[in-house]
Amino acid sequence: MKAVMSRPCLLYMTAGDREEALALARLLVGERLAACANVLGEATSVYRWEGAVQEEGEIVLVAKTVEDRVEDAARRVRETHSYDSPCIVSLPISGGDADFLSWIGEEARDAEEPEAQ
């Protein structure tokens, strides 16, 4: 019997620097919480924090995962992130290459789950 795959999604996150973003990417992929993560270039973030407008450079990190892994992925990011309240946003993937989306589901699965046949 073929296992039902959880819907694929993207996790959009930011980190204070490239090293932190790479560490988060390695953590998520290494623990099978994401199939892949892209560490993008620097972005300038303008935001309100503690009553004042702030402007800082950040690194954008995008991870490909499945809905069933989002909660665990977010928990692990919060446990290791340098920010008090890290940006972790889940965005559903509504379509794309079927083989690629299937690969996300296969790689971002709980290690205890049997592989799809």
C-alpha atoms as a PDB file:
ATOM      1  CA  MET A   1       0.000   0.000   0.000  1.00  0.00           C
ATOM      2  CA  LYS A   2       1.362   3.395  -0.990  1.00  0.00           C
ATOM      3  CA  ALA A   3       1.845   5.909   1.827  1.00  0.00           C
ATOM      4  CA  VAL A   4      -0.069   9.174   1.540  1.00  0.00           C
ATOM      5  CA  MET A   5       2.382  12.065   1.258  1.00  0.00           C
ATOM      6  CA  SER A   6       1.928  15.234   3.238  1.00  0.00           C
ATOM      7  CA  ARG A   7       1.563  18.377   1.097  1.00  0.00           C
ATOM      8  CA  PRO A   8       4.835  20.087   0.187  1.00  0.00           C
ATOM      9  CA  CYS A   9       5.537  23.575   1.486  1.00  0.00           C
ATOM     10  CA  LEU A  10       8.277  26.144   1.844  1.00  0.00           C
ATOM     11  CA  LEU A  11       9.636  27.487   5.099  1.00  0.00           C
ATOM     12  CA  TYR A  12      10.749  31.098   4.743  1.00  0.00           C
ATOM     13  CA  MET A  13      13.188  32.100   7.465  1.00  0.00           C
ATOM     14  CA  THR A  14      15.805  34.734   8.185  1.00  0.00           C
ATOM     15  CA  ALA A  15      19.057  34.547  10.129  1.00  0.00           C
ATOM     16  CA  GLY A  16      21.462  37.122  11.485  1.00  0.00           C
ATOM     17  CA  ASP A  17      24.354  35.999   9.302  1.00  0.00           C
ATOM     18  CA  ARG A  18      25.375  33.457   6.672  1.00  0.00           C
ATOM     19  CA  GLU A  19      26.981  31.075   9.169  1.00  0.00           C
ATOM     20  CA  GLU A  20      23.787  30.848  11.218  1.00  0.00           C
ATOM     21  CA  ALA A  21      21.687  30.338   8.078  1.00  0.00           C
ATOM     22  CA  LEU A  22      24.002  27.534   6.898  1.00  0.00           C
ATOM     23  CA  ALA A  23      23.894  25.905  10.338  1.00  0.00           C
ATOM     24  CA  LEU A  24      20.077  25.999  10.294  1.00  0.00           C
ATOM     25  CA  ALA A  25      20.001  24.583   6.751  1.00  0.00           C
ATOM     26  CA  ARG A  26      22.339  21.730   7.721  1.00  0.00           C
ATOM     27  CA  LEU A  27      20.277  21.017  10.846  1.00  0.00           C
ATOM     28  CA  LEU A  28      16.953  20.861   8.986  1.00  0.00           C
ATOM     29  CA  VAL A  29      18.253  18.689   6.153  1.00  0.00           C
ATOM     30  CA  GLY A  30      20.379  16.526   8.444  1.00  0.00           C
ATOM     31  CA  GLU A  31      17.408  15.740  10.681  1.00  0.00           C
ATOM     32  CA  ARG A  32      15.125  15.106   7.661  1.00  0.00           C
ATOM     33  CA  LEU A  33      12.958  18.069   8.639  1.00  0.00           C
ATOM     34  CA  ALA A  34      13.516  19.470   5.140  1.00  0.00           C
ATOM     35  CA  ALA A  35      14.579  17.927   1.849  1.00  0.00           C
ATOM     36  CA  CYS A  36      16.643  20.948   0.823  1.00  0.00           C
ATOM     37  CA  ALA A  37      17.399  24.452   1.992  1.00  0.00           C
ATOM     38  CA  ASN A  38      18.592  27.458   0.022  1.00  0.00           C
ATOM     39  CA  VAL A  39      20.707  30.072   1.762  1.00  0.00           C
ATOM     40  CA  LEU A  40      20.189  33.272  -0.195  1.00  0.00           C
ATOM     41  CA  GLY A  41      22.084  36.538  -0.153  1.00  0.00           C
ATOM     42  CA  GLU A  42      21.767  39.394   2.254  1.00  0.00           C
ATOM     43  CA  ALA A  43      18.487  41.231   2.583  1.00  0.00           C
ATOM     44  CA  THR A  44      17.826  44.468   4.395  1.00  0.00           C
ATOM     45  CA  SER A  45      14.990  44.059   6.859  1.00  0.00           C
ATOM     46  CA  VAL A  46      13.056  47.029   8.195  1.00  0.00           C
ATOM     47  CA  TYR A  47      10.866  46.110  11.163  1.00  0.00           C
ATOM     48  CA  ARG A  48       9.419  47.351  14.427  1.00  0.00           C
ATOM     49  CA  TRP A  49      10.950  45.786  17.542  1.00  0.00           C
ATOM     50  CA  GLU A  50      10.629  46.897  21.151  1.00  0.00           C
ATOM     51  CA  GLY A  51       8.857  50.113  20.162  1.00  0.00           C
ATOM     52  CA  ALA A  52      11.367  51.329  17.575  1.00  0.00           C
ATOM     53  CA  VAL A  53      11.867  50.943  13.847  1.00  0.00           C
ATOM     54  CA  GLN A  54      14.965  48.844  13.193  1.00  0.00           C
ATOM     55  CA  GLU A  55      16.960  48.258  10.015  1.00  0.00           C
ATOM     56  CA  GLU A  56      19.384  45.319   9.818  1.00  0.00           C
ATOM     57  CA  GLY A  57      21.005  43.032   7.303  1.00  0.00           C
ATOM     58  CA  GLU A  58      19.779  39.444   7.413  1.00  0.00           C
ATOM     59  CA  ILE A  59      20.253  36.288   5.391  1.00  0.00           C
ATOM     60  CA  VAL A  60      17.173  34.657   3.853  1.00  0.00           C
ATOM     61  CA  LEU A  61      16.820  30.890   4.151  1.00  0.00           C
ATOM     62  CA  VAL A  62      14.165  28.895   2.259  1.00  0.00           C
ATOM     63  CA  ALA A  63      13.611  25.221   3.099  1.00  0.00           C
ATOM     64  CA  LYS A  64      11.519  22.719   1.140  1.00  0.00           C
ATOM     65  CA  THR A  65       9.560  20.408   3.404  1.00  0.00           C
ATOM     66  CA  VAL A  66       6.097  18.935   3.955  1.00  0.00           C
ATOM     67  CA  GLU A  67       3.265  20.106   6.187  1.00  0.00           C
ATOM     68  CA  ASP A  68       3.709  17.190   8.605  1.00  0.00           C
ATOM     69  CA  ARG A  69       7.275  18.341   9.370  1.00  0.00           C
ATOM     70  CA  VAL A  70       6.634  22.093   9.782  1.00  0.00           C
ATOM     71  CA  GLU A  71       5.953  22.027  13.526  1.00  0.00           C
ATOM     72  CA  ASP A  72       9.075  19.963  14.283  1.00  0.00           C
ATOM     73  CA  ALA A  73      11.200  22.076  11.939  1.00  0.00           C
ATOM     74  CA  ALA A  74       9.986  25.305  13.542  1.00  0.00           C
ATOM     75  CA  ARG A  75      10.663  23.911  17.018  1.00  0.00           C
ATOM     76  CA  ARG A  76      14.252  22.966  16.082  1.00  0.00           C
ATOM     77  CA  VAL A  77      14.871  26.377  14.498  1.00  0.00           C
ATOM     78  CA  ARG A  78      13.551  28.147  17.628  1.00  0.00           C
ATOM     79  CA  GLU A  79      15.793  25.959  19.835  1.00  0.00           C
ATOM     80  CA  THR A  80      18.972  26.945  17.983  1.00  0.00           C
ATOM     81  CA  HIS A  81      18.261  30.407  16.514  1.00  0.00           C
ATOM     82  CA  SER A  82      19.994  33.485  17.917  1.00  0.00           C
ATOM     83  CA  TYR A  83      16.804  35.607  17.740  1.00  0.00           C
ATOM     84  CA  ASP A  84      14.237  35.784  20.544  1.00  0.00           C
ATOM     85  CA  SER A  85      11.447  35.520  17.963  1.00  0.00           C
ATOM     86  CA  PRO A  86      12.795  34.131  14.673  1.00  0.00           C
ATOM     87  CA  CYS A  87      10.952  34.518  11.394  1.00  0.00           C
ATOM     88  CA  ILE A  88       9.605  31.071  10.468  1.00  0.00           C
ATOM     89  CA  VAL A  89       6.757  31.171   7.953  1.00  0.00           C
ATOM     90  CA  SER A  90       5.229  28.186   6.179  1.00  0.00           C
ATOM     91  CA  LEU A  91       3.945  28.701   2.631  1.00  0.00           C
ATOM     92  CA  PRO A  92       2.025  25.947   0.803  1.00  0.00           C
ATOM     93  CA  ILE A  93       3.263  24.820  -2.597  1.00  0.00           C
ATOM     94  CA  SER A  94       0.241  24.676  -4.910  1.00  0.00           C
ATOM     95  CA  GLY A  95       1.969  23.034  -7.865  1.00  0.00           C
ATOM     96  CA  GLY A  96       5.221  22.220  -9.572  1.00  0.00           C
ATOM     97  CA  ASP A  97       7.191  19.376 -11.096  1.00  0.00           C
ATOM     98  CA  ALA A  98       5.619  16.142  -9.827  1.00  0.00           C
ATOM     99  CA  ASP A  99       8.927  14.302  -9.496  1.00  0.00           C
ATOM    100  CA  PHE A 100      10.497  17.172  -7.541  1.00  0.00           C
ATOM    101  CA  LEU A 101       7.502  17.476  -5.215  1.00  0.00           C
ATOM    102  CA  SER A 102       7.561  13.723  -4.654  1.00  0.00           C
ATOM    103  CA  TRP A 103      11.272  13.932  -3.825  1.00  0.00           C
ATOM    104  CA  ILE A 104      10.530  16.566  -1.152  1.00  0.00           C
ATOM    105  CA  GLY A 105       8.023  14.184   0.439  1.00  0.00           C
ATOM    106  CA  GLU A 106      10.454  11.280   0.334  1.00  0.00           C
ATOM    107  CA  GLU A 107      13.348  13.206   1.881  1.00  0.00           C
ATOM    108  CA  ALA A 108      11.437  15.237   4.480  1.00  0.00           C
ATOM    109  CA  ARG A 109       9.871  12.309   6.215  1.00  0.00           C
ATOM    110  CA  ASP A 110      10.243  11.003   9.713  1.00  0.00           C
ATOM    111  CA  ALA A 111      13.099   8.509   9.798  1.00  0.00           C
ATOM    112  CA  GLU A 112      10.657   6.052  11.407  1.00  0.00           C
ATOM    113  CA  GLU A 113       8.244   6.223   8.447  1.00  0.00           C
ATOM    114  CA  PRO A 114       8.587   3.512   5.819  1.00  0.00           C
ATOM    115  CA  GLU A 115       9.673   4.695   2.373  1.00  0.00           C
ATOM    116  CA  ALA A 116       6.878   5.016  -0.209  1.00  0.00           C
ATOM    117  CA  GLN A 117       6.694   2.088  -2.626  1.00  0.00           C
END
